Amino acid sequence: MTEFHFGHLPKQPAAETAGLAEAAESLGFDGVWIADSQSIFRDVWVTLSACAVRTSRIRLATGVTNPVRHLPSTLVPPELRE
């Protein structure tokens, strides 16, 4: 089965990006990827949290992230932690 995801560069407030994720979910998209850059974009984890509040089915993820900038606990899903 083909899945459709879209990537987003979050330069606007997290609430606006969450609105886009909500719209994507209602249109049948399967996922939203948010880019991470401490110099250019809004905080990826705050933005993904806002998206999670406004959606229920769509998959949310970082499109790319910097592992040096974030604690490992924020990068590894709970089911993969030992």
N, C-alpha and C. Protein backbone atom coordinates (compact mmCIF):
# COMPACT_ATOMS: atom_id res chain seq x y z
N MET A 1 0.83 -1.17 0.00
CA MET A 1 0.00 0.00 0.00
C MET A 1 0.88 1.25 0.00
N THR A 2 0.57 2.19 -0.82
CA THR A 2 1.32 3.44 -0.91
C THR A 2 0.90 4.38 0.21
N GLU A 3 1.89 5.00 0.81
CA GLU A 3 1.62 6.00 1.85
C GLU A 3 2.04 7.37 1.34
N PHE A 4 1.35 8.39 1.80
CA PHE A 4 1.67 9.76 1.43
C PHE A 4 1.99 10.56 2.68
N HIS A 5 3.19 11.12 2.71
CA HIS A 5 3.66 11.96 3.80
C HIS A 5 4.08 13.29 3.21
N PHE A 6 4.12 14.32 4.02
CA PHE A 6 4.71 15.56 3.53
C PHE A 6 5.64 16.14 4.58
N GLY A 7 6.68 16.80 4.09
CA GLY A 7 7.63 17.44 4.97
C GLY A 7 7.34 18.93 5.07
N HIS A 8 7.67 19.48 6.21
CA HIS A 8 7.37 20.90 6.44
C HIS A 8 8.56 21.57 7.12
N LEU A 9 8.85 22.79 6.70
CA LEU A 9 9.90 23.60 7.30
C LEU A 9 9.22 24.64 8.19
N PRO A 10 9.19 24.40 9.51
CA PRO A 10 8.35 25.20 10.42
C PRO A 10 8.92 26.57 10.77
N LYS A 11 8.67 27.54 9.89
CA LYS A 11 9.11 28.91 10.18
C LYS A 11 8.03 29.72 10.89
N GLN A 12 6.79 29.27 10.83
CA GLN A 12 5.68 29.98 11.48
C GLN A 12 5.42 29.38 12.87
N PRO A 13 4.55 30.00 13.67
CA PRO A 13 4.26 29.46 15.01
C PRO A 13 3.77 28.00 14.96
N ALA A 14 4.03 27.29 16.04
CA ALA A 14 3.67 25.86 16.12
C ALA A 14 2.18 25.64 15.88
N ALA A 15 1.34 26.55 16.34
CA ALA A 15 -0.11 26.40 16.16
C ALA A 15 -0.49 26.38 14.68
N GLU A 16 0.20 27.17 13.86
CA GLU A 16 -0.08 27.17 12.43
C GLU A 16 0.35 25.86 11.78
N THR A 17 1.51 25.35 12.18
CA THR A 17 1.97 24.06 11.66
C THR A 17 1.02 22.96 12.09
N ALA A 18 0.53 23.02 13.32
CA ALA A 18 -0.44 22.03 13.80
C ALA A 18 -1.71 22.06 12.96
N GLY A 19 -2.12 23.24 12.54
CA GLY A 19 -3.27 23.36 11.66
C GLY A 19 -3.04 22.68 10.32
N LEU A 20 -1.81 22.79 9.81
CA LEU A 20 -1.46 22.10 8.56
C LEU A 20 -1.50 20.58 8.74
N ALA A 21 -0.99 20.11 9.87
CA ALA A 21 -1.03 18.66 10.15
C ALA A 21 -2.46 18.17 10.26
N GLU A 22 -3.29 18.95 10.91
CA GLU A 22 -4.71 18.60 11.05
C GLU A 22 -5.37 18.53 9.66
N ALA A 23 -5.08 19.50 8.83
CA ALA A 23 -5.63 19.50 7.47
C ALA A 23 -5.11 18.31 6.67
N ALA A 24 -3.82 18.00 6.81
CA ALA A 24 -3.24 16.86 6.10
C ALA A 24 -3.93 15.56 6.51
N GLU A 25 -4.18 15.42 7.81
CA GLU A 25 -4.87 14.23 8.30
C GLU A 25 -6.27 14.13 7.71
N SER A 26 -6.99 15.23 7.68
CA SER A 26 -8.36 15.21 7.15
C SER A 26 -8.38 14.93 5.65
N LEU A 27 -7.28 15.24 4.96
CA LEU A 27 -7.17 14.96 3.53
C LEU A 27 -6.67 13.56 3.22
N GLY A 28 -6.34 12.79 4.27
CA GLY A 28 -5.93 11.40 4.09
C GLY A 28 -4.44 11.15 4.05
N PHE A 29 -3.61 12.17 4.31
CA PHE A 29 -2.17 11.93 4.36
C PHE A 29 -1.86 10.96 5.50
N ASP A 30 -0.76 10.22 5.35
CA ASP A 30 -0.37 9.24 6.35
C ASP A 30 0.65 9.78 7.35
N GLY A 31 1.37 10.83 6.99
CA GLY A 31 2.39 11.34 7.89
C GLY A 31 2.81 12.76 7.60
N VAL A 32 3.35 13.39 8.62
CA VAL A 32 3.92 14.74 8.52
C VAL A 32 5.31 14.69 9.13
N TRP A 33 6.27 15.19 8.39
CA TRP A 33 7.66 15.26 8.85
C TRP A 33 8.01 16.72 9.06
N ILE A 34 8.56 17.04 10.22
CA ILE A 34 8.93 18.41 10.56
C ILE A 34 10.46 18.49 10.59
N ALA A 35 11.02 19.46 9.87
CA ALA A 35 12.48 19.63 9.84
C ALA A 35 12.96 20.25 11.15
N ASP A 36 14.22 19.98 11.49
CA ASP A 36 14.81 20.46 12.73
C ASP A 36 16.08 21.26 12.41
N SER A 37 16.11 22.51 12.83
CA SER A 37 17.30 23.34 12.71
C SER A 37 17.23 24.41 13.78
N GLN A 38 18.22 24.45 14.64
CA GLN A 38 18.19 25.41 15.74
C GLN A 38 18.35 26.85 15.25
N SER A 39 18.86 27.04 14.06
CA SER A 39 19.12 28.40 13.57
C SER A 39 18.02 28.95 12.68
N ILE A 40 17.24 28.08 12.05
CA ILE A 40 16.31 28.54 11.03
C ILE A 40 14.84 28.33 11.42
N PHE A 41 14.51 27.17 12.00
CA PHE A 41 13.12 26.80 12.21
C PHE A 41 12.72 26.86 13.68
N ARG A 42 11.41 26.76 13.90
CA ARG A 42 10.88 26.63 15.26
C ARG A 42 11.32 25.30 15.85
N ASP A 43 11.26 25.17 17.18
CA ASP A 43 11.68 23.93 17.83
C ASP A 43 10.84 22.76 17.34
N VAL A 44 11.51 21.72 16.87
CA VAL A 44 10.82 20.58 16.28
C VAL A 44 9.95 19.84 17.28
N TRP A 45 10.40 19.73 18.53
CA TRP A 45 9.64 18.94 19.51
C TRP A 45 8.40 19.69 19.99
N VAL A 46 8.49 20.98 20.13
CA VAL A 46 7.32 21.79 20.47
C VAL A 46 6.31 21.72 19.33
N THR A 47 6.82 21.85 18.11
CA THR A 47 5.95 21.81 16.93
C THR A 47 5.28 20.46 16.78
N LEU A 48 6.02 19.37 16.95
CA LEU A 48 5.42 18.03 16.87
C LEU A 48 4.40 17.81 17.98
N SER A 49 4.66 18.35 19.15
CA SER A 49 3.70 18.24 20.25
C SER A 49 2.40 18.95 19.91
N ALA A 50 2.51 20.14 19.33
CA ALA A 50 1.31 20.87 18.92
C ALA A 50 0.54 20.10 17.86
N CYS A 51 1.27 19.47 16.95
CA CYS A 51 0.62 18.66 15.91
C CYS A 51 -0.09 17.45 16.53
N ALA A 52 0.53 16.84 17.53
CA ALA A 52 -0.06 15.67 18.18
C ALA A 52 -1.37 16.01 18.88
N VAL A 53 -1.46 17.21 19.43
CA VAL A 53 -2.68 17.64 20.11
C VAL A 53 -3.84 17.78 19.12
N ARG A 54 -3.53 18.17 17.89
CA ARG A 54 -4.57 18.46 16.90
C ARG A 54 -4.88 17.29 15.97
N THR A 55 -4.14 16.18 16.10
CA THR A 55 -4.37 15.02 15.22
C THR A 55 -4.56 13.76 16.04
N SER A 56 -5.04 12.69 15.38
CA SER A 56 -5.23 11.44 16.12
C SER A 56 -4.70 10.22 15.37
N ARG A 57 -4.59 10.27 14.07
CA ARG A 57 -4.21 9.10 13.29
C ARG A 57 -2.87 9.26 12.56
N ILE A 58 -2.59 10.44 12.10
CA ILE A 58 -1.44 10.67 11.23
C ILE A 58 -0.13 10.44 11.99
N ARG A 59 0.89 9.93 11.30
CA ARG A 59 2.20 9.72 11.92
C ARG A 59 2.98 11.03 11.89
N LEU A 60 3.65 11.30 12.98
CA LEU A 60 4.44 12.53 13.11
C LEU A 60 5.90 12.16 13.35
N ALA A 61 6.80 12.87 12.69
CA ALA A 61 8.22 12.55 12.83
C ALA A 61 9.07 13.76 12.48
N THR A 62 10.34 13.69 12.86
CA THR A 62 11.29 14.70 12.40
C THR A 62 11.79 14.26 11.03
N GLY A 63 11.93 15.22 10.12
CA GLY A 63 12.48 14.90 8.81
C GLY A 63 13.97 14.69 8.90
N VAL A 64 14.59 15.43 9.78
CA VAL A 64 16.01 15.31 10.09
C VAL A 64 16.20 15.98 11.45
N THR A 65 17.18 15.54 12.20
CA THR A 65 17.45 16.17 13.49
C THR A 65 18.93 16.11 13.79
N ASN A 66 19.38 16.90 14.73
CA ASN A 66 20.77 16.96 15.12
C ASN A 66 20.93 16.23 16.45
N PRO A 67 21.54 15.04 16.46
CA PRO A 67 21.66 14.26 17.70
C PRO A 67 22.58 14.90 18.74
N VAL A 68 23.44 15.82 18.34
CA VAL A 68 24.32 16.49 19.29
C VAL A 68 23.55 17.52 20.10
N ARG A 69 22.54 18.09 19.51
CA ARG A 69 21.76 19.16 20.13
C ARG A 69 20.68 18.66 21.09
N HIS A 70 20.25 17.41 20.94
CA HIS A 70 19.15 16.87 21.74
C HIS A 70 19.61 15.74 22.65
N LEU A 71 18.95 15.60 23.78
CA LEU A 71 19.22 14.47 24.66
C LEU A 71 18.76 13.18 23.98
N PRO A 72 19.48 12.08 24.16
CA PRO A 72 19.08 10.82 23.53
C PRO A 72 17.66 10.39 23.88
N SER A 73 17.20 10.73 25.06
CA SER A 73 15.84 10.33 25.47
C SER A 73 14.76 10.98 24.60
N THR A 74 15.08 12.09 23.95
CA THR A 74 14.10 12.72 23.07
C THR A 74 14.17 12.19 21.65
N LEU A 75 15.21 11.44 21.33
CA LEU A 75 15.40 10.95 19.97
C LEU A 75 15.03 9.49 19.78
N VAL A 76 15.04 8.71 20.85
CA VAL A 76 14.77 7.27 20.75
C VAL A 76 13.35 6.99 21.24
N PRO A 77 12.53 6.33 20.41
CA PRO A 77 11.17 6.02 20.84
C PRO A 77 11.17 5.13 22.08
N PRO A 78 10.20 5.29 22.96
CA PRO A 78 10.15 4.52 24.21
C PRO A 78 10.23 3.01 23.99
N GLU A 79 9.61 2.52 22.93
CA GLU A 79 9.62 1.06 22.70
C GLU A 79 11.00 0.53 22.33
N LEU A 80 11.94 1.40 21.96
CA LEU A 80 13.30 0.96 21.62
C LEU A 80 14.30 1.19 22.72
N ARG A 81 13.88 1.84 23.81
CA ARG A 81 14.80 2.08 24.92
C ARG A 81 14.94 0.81 25.74
N GLU A 82 16.14 0.62 26.28
CA GLU A 82 16.37 -0.56 27.12
C GLU A 82 16.15 -0.25 28.56
